[in-house]
């Protein structure tokens, strides 16, 4: 278990560092209101997780250790949106439309509500 935690943590470190670099790079070239850095991280993370799951499911070339390092670690540190998008893909391929709709709606609605709640608590405390 400790080895798995270290592997995921190492991948997460590289992913988080990559996210920081992409966001800093875009901040230097884009000054509009659209959050380009976050957008690029999210869509590229979705592409990367698609490649990795494709390798895992179809080519069968990723080992469980590599999956832990790259999917859980790197993609999780780079962007959890990629995992969310992959979950949505898996639900759609199973034809589980009700669960997909519920997951999509609840993730967005409760996510926004939780951001509001957290910000409100801090605003009231300070």
C-alpha atoms as a PDB file:
ATOM      1  CA  UNK A   1       0.000   0.000   0.000  1.00  0.00           C
ATOM      2  CA  UNK A   2       2.814   2.435   0.830  1.00  0.00           C
ATOM      3  CA  UNK A   3       4.406   1.767  -2.572  1.00  0.00           C
ATOM      4  CA  UNK A   4       1.092   2.582  -4.277  1.00  0.00           C
ATOM      5  CA  UNK A   5       0.788   5.827  -2.319  1.00  0.00           C
ATOM      6  CA  UNK A   6       4.325   6.838  -3.279  1.00  0.00           C
ATOM      7  CA  UNK A   7       3.724   5.990  -6.956  1.00  0.00           C
ATOM      8  CA  UNK A   8       0.474   7.963  -7.084  1.00  0.00           C
ATOM      9  CA  UNK A   9       2.131  10.817  -5.174  1.00  0.00           C
ATOM     10  CA  UNK A  10       5.082  10.990  -7.575  1.00  0.00           C
ATOM     11  CA  UNK A  11       2.758  11.033 -10.560  1.00  0.00           C
ATOM     12  CA  UNK A  12       0.595  13.617  -8.823  1.00  0.00           C
ATOM     13  CA  UNK A  13       3.617  15.824  -8.186  1.00  0.00           C
ATOM     14  CA  UNK A  14       4.562  15.807 -11.872  1.00  0.00           C
ATOM     15  CA  UNK A  15       0.943  16.426 -12.876  1.00  0.00           C
ATOM     16  CA  UNK A  16       0.528  19.324 -10.456  1.00  0.00           C
ATOM     17  CA  UNK A  17       3.818  20.837 -11.608  1.00  0.00           C
ATOM     18  CA  UNK A  18       2.662  20.482 -15.209  1.00  0.00           C
ATOM     19  CA  UNK A  19      -0.602  22.213 -14.386  1.00  0.00           C
ATOM     20  CA  UNK A  20       1.286  25.089 -12.769  1.00  0.00           C
ATOM     21  CA  UNK A  21       3.555  25.450 -15.798  1.00  0.00           C
ATOM     22  CA  UNK A  22       0.682  25.436 -18.293  1.00  0.00           C
ATOM     23  CA  UNK A  23      -1.281  27.982 -16.262  1.00  0.00           C
ATOM     24  CA  UNK A  24       1.737  30.263 -15.830  1.00  0.00           C
ATOM     25  CA  UNK A  25       2.586  29.995 -19.521  1.00  0.00           C
ATOM     26  CA  UNK A  26      -0.938  30.903 -20.613  1.00  0.00           C
ATOM     27  CA  UNK A  27      -1.115  33.760 -18.099  1.00  0.00           C
ATOM     28  CA  UNK A  28       1.904  35.246 -19.855  1.00  0.00           C
ATOM     29  CA  UNK A  29       0.323  35.077 -23.311  1.00  0.00           C
ATOM     30  CA  UNK A  30      -3.421  35.465 -22.605  1.00  0.00           C
ATOM     31  CA  UNK A  31      -4.972  38.322 -20.663  1.00  0.00           C
ATOM     32  CA  UNK A  32      -8.659  37.836 -21.489  1.00  0.00           C
ATOM     33  CA  UNK A  33     -11.467  36.841 -19.156  1.00  0.00           C
ATOM     34  CA  UNK A  34     -11.644  33.258 -20.489  1.00  0.00           C
ATOM     35  CA  UNK A  35      -9.678  30.945 -18.132  1.00  0.00           C
ATOM     36  CA  UNK A  36      -7.442  29.616 -20.911  1.00  0.00           C
ATOM     37  CA  UNK A  37      -4.911  27.898 -18.632  1.00  0.00           C
ATOM     38  CA  UNK A  38      -7.546  25.848 -16.819  1.00  0.00           C
ATOM     39  CA  UNK A  39      -9.285  25.091 -20.104  1.00  0.00           C
ATOM     40  CA  UNK A  40      -6.075  23.841 -21.739  1.00  0.00           C
ATOM     41  CA  UNK A  41      -5.207  21.736 -18.712  1.00  0.00           C
ATOM     42  CA  UNK A  42      -8.678  20.193 -18.627  1.00  0.00           C
ATOM     43  CA  UNK A  43      -8.931  19.354 -22.324  1.00  0.00           C
ATOM     44  CA  UNK A  44      -5.351  18.116 -22.612  1.00  0.00           C
ATOM     45  CA  UNK A  45      -5.852  16.054 -19.450  1.00  0.00           C
ATOM     46  CA  UNK A  46      -8.942  14.504 -21.047  1.00  0.00           C
ATOM     47  CA  UNK A  47      -6.927  13.655 -24.144  1.00  0.00           C
ATOM     48  CA  UNK A  48      -4.117  12.146 -22.067  1.00  0.00           C
ATOM     49  CA  UNK A  49      -6.473  10.048 -19.938  1.00  0.00           C
ATOM     50  CA  UNK A  50      -8.191   8.893 -23.133  1.00  0.00           C
ATOM     51  CA  UNK A  51      -4.854   7.748 -24.524  1.00  0.00           C
ATOM     52  CA  UNK A  52      -3.904   6.022 -21.270  1.00  0.00           C
ATOM     53  CA  UNK A  53      -7.235   4.218 -20.845  1.00  0.00           C
ATOM     54  CA  UNK A  54      -7.063   3.246 -24.515  1.00  0.00           C
ATOM     55  CA  UNK A  55      -3.652   1.703 -23.882  1.00  0.00           C
ATOM     56  CA  UNK A  56      -4.960  -0.006 -20.768  1.00  0.00           C
ATOM     57  CA  UNK A  57      -8.191  -1.378 -22.236  1.00  0.00           C
ATOM     58  CA  UNK A  58      -7.372  -2.083 -25.875  1.00  0.00           C
ATOM     59  CA  UNK A  59      -3.628  -2.407 -26.305  1.00  0.00           C
ATOM     60  CA  UNK A  60      -3.182  -3.957 -22.839  1.00  0.00           C
ATOM     61  CA  UNK A  61       0.262  -2.396 -22.575  1.00  0.00           C
ATOM     62  CA  UNK A  62      -0.091  -0.527 -19.289  1.00  0.00           C
ATOM     63  CA  UNK A  63       0.661  -2.438 -16.128  1.00  0.00           C
ATOM     64  CA  UNK A  64      -1.335  -1.743 -12.955  1.00  0.00           C
ATOM     65  CA  UNK A  65       1.746   0.065 -11.612  1.00  0.00           C
ATOM     66  CA  UNK A  66       1.967   2.301 -14.683  1.00  0.00           C
ATOM     67  CA  UNK A  67      -1.778   2.933 -14.467  1.00  0.00           C
ATOM     68  CA  UNK A  68      -1.394   4.022 -10.848  1.00  0.00           C
ATOM     69  CA  UNK A  69       1.503   6.341 -11.700  1.00  0.00           C
ATOM     70  CA  UNK A  70       0.058   7.831 -14.880  1.00  0.00           C
ATOM     71  CA  UNK A  71      -3.739   7.774 -14.526  1.00  0.00           C
ATOM     72  CA  UNK A  72      -4.268   8.109 -10.782  1.00  0.00           C
ATOM     73  CA  UNK A  73      -1.115  10.110 -10.118  1.00  0.00           C
ATOM     74  CA  UNK A  74      -0.274  12.246 -13.131  1.00  0.00           C
ATOM     75  CA  UNK A  75      -3.782  12.815 -14.479  1.00  0.00           C
ATOM     76  CA  UNK A  76      -5.172  13.253 -10.963  1.00  0.00           C
ATOM     77  CA  UNK A  77      -2.524  15.867 -10.169  1.00  0.00           C
ATOM     78  CA  UNK A  78      -2.828  17.550 -13.561  1.00  0.00           C
ATOM     79  CA  UNK A  79      -6.629  17.723 -13.588  1.00  0.00           C
ATOM     80  CA  UNK A  80      -9.417  15.771 -11.954  1.00  0.00           C
ATOM     81  CA  UNK A  81     -11.661  16.978 -14.767  1.00  0.00           C
ATOM     82  CA  UNK A  82     -10.098  14.293 -16.953  1.00  0.00           C
ATOM     83  CA  UNK A  83     -11.246  11.613 -14.513  1.00  0.00           C
ATOM     84  CA  UNK A  84     -14.723  13.154 -14.416  1.00  0.00           C
ATOM     85  CA  UNK A  85     -14.889  13.166 -18.220  1.00  0.00           C
ATOM     86  CA  UNK A  86     -13.692   9.558 -18.360  1.00  0.00           C
ATOM     87  CA  UNK A  87     -16.349   8.541 -15.811  1.00  0.00           C
ATOM     88  CA  UNK A  88     -18.949  10.201 -18.041  1.00  0.00           C
ATOM     89  CA  UNK A  89     -17.595   8.333 -21.077  1.00  0.00           C
ATOM     90  CA  UNK A  90     -17.756   5.001 -19.281  1.00  0.00           C
ATOM     91  CA  UNK A  91     -21.351   5.619 -18.188  1.00  0.00           C
ATOM     92  CA  UNK A  92     -22.317   6.546 -21.755  1.00  0.00           C
ATOM     93  CA  UNK A  93     -20.743   3.414 -23.234  1.00  0.00           C
ATOM     94  CA  UNK A  94     -22.725   1.320 -20.763  1.00  0.00           C
ATOM     95  CA  UNK A  95     -25.897   3.188 -21.775  1.00  0.00           C
ATOM     96  CA  UNK A  96     -26.439   4.194 -18.162  1.00  0.00           C
ATOM     97  CA  UNK A  97     -28.021   7.527 -19.114  1.00  0.00           C
ATOM     98  CA  UNK A  98     -29.878   8.155 -15.870  1.00  0.00           C
ATOM     99  CA  UNK A  99     -26.745   7.724 -13.753  1.00  0.00           C
ATOM    100  CA  UNK A 100     -24.783   9.831 -16.264  1.00  0.00           C
ATOM    101  CA  UNK A 101     -27.310  12.678 -16.061  1.00  0.00           C
ATOM    102  CA  UNK A 102     -27.471  12.462 -12.285  1.00  0.00           C
ATOM    103  CA  UNK A 103     -23.672  12.415 -11.956  1.00  0.00           C
ATOM    104  CA  UNK A 104     -23.304  15.353 -14.344  1.00  0.00           C
ATOM    105  CA  UNK A 105     -25.992  17.466 -12.700  1.00  0.00           C
ATOM    106  CA  UNK A 106     -24.996  16.698  -9.114  1.00  0.00           C
ATOM    107  CA  UNK A 107     -21.270  17.190  -9.782  1.00  0.00           C
ATOM    108  CA  UNK A 108     -21.799  20.626 -11.271  1.00  0.00           C
ATOM    109  CA  UNK A 109     -24.617  21.827  -9.013  1.00  0.00           C
ATOM    110  CA  UNK A 110     -23.194  20.548  -5.732  1.00  0.00           C
ATOM    111  CA  UNK A 111     -19.669  21.561  -6.782  1.00  0.00           C
ATOM    112  CA  UNK A 112     -20.783  25.152  -7.324  1.00  0.00           C
ATOM    113  CA  UNK A 113     -22.817  25.063  -4.115  1.00  0.00           C
ATOM    114  CA  UNK A 114     -19.785  23.814  -2.159  1.00  0.00           C
ATOM    115  CA  UNK A 115     -17.569  26.549  -3.627  1.00  0.00           C
ATOM    116  CA  UNK A 116     -20.204  29.114  -2.584  1.00  0.00           C
ATOM    117  CA  UNK A 117     -20.455  27.565   0.914  1.00  0.00           C
ATOM    118  CA  UNK A 118     -16.711  27.500   1.447  1.00  0.00           C
ATOM    119  CA  UNK A 119     -16.276  31.082   0.251  1.00  0.00           C
ATOM    120  CA  UNK A 120     -19.238  32.215   2.363  1.00  0.00           C
ATOM    121  CA  UNK A 121     -17.825  30.612   5.513  1.00  0.00           C
ATOM    122  CA  UNK A 122     -14.490  32.333   5.007  1.00  0.00           C
ATOM    123  CA  UNK A 123     -16.143  35.668   4.122  1.00  0.00           C
ATOM    124  CA  UNK A 124     -18.185  35.508   7.349  1.00  0.00           C
ATOM    125  CA  UNK A 125     -15.177  34.459   9.433  1.00  0.00           C
ATOM    126  CA  UNK A 126     -13.019  37.340   8.227  1.00  0.00           C
END
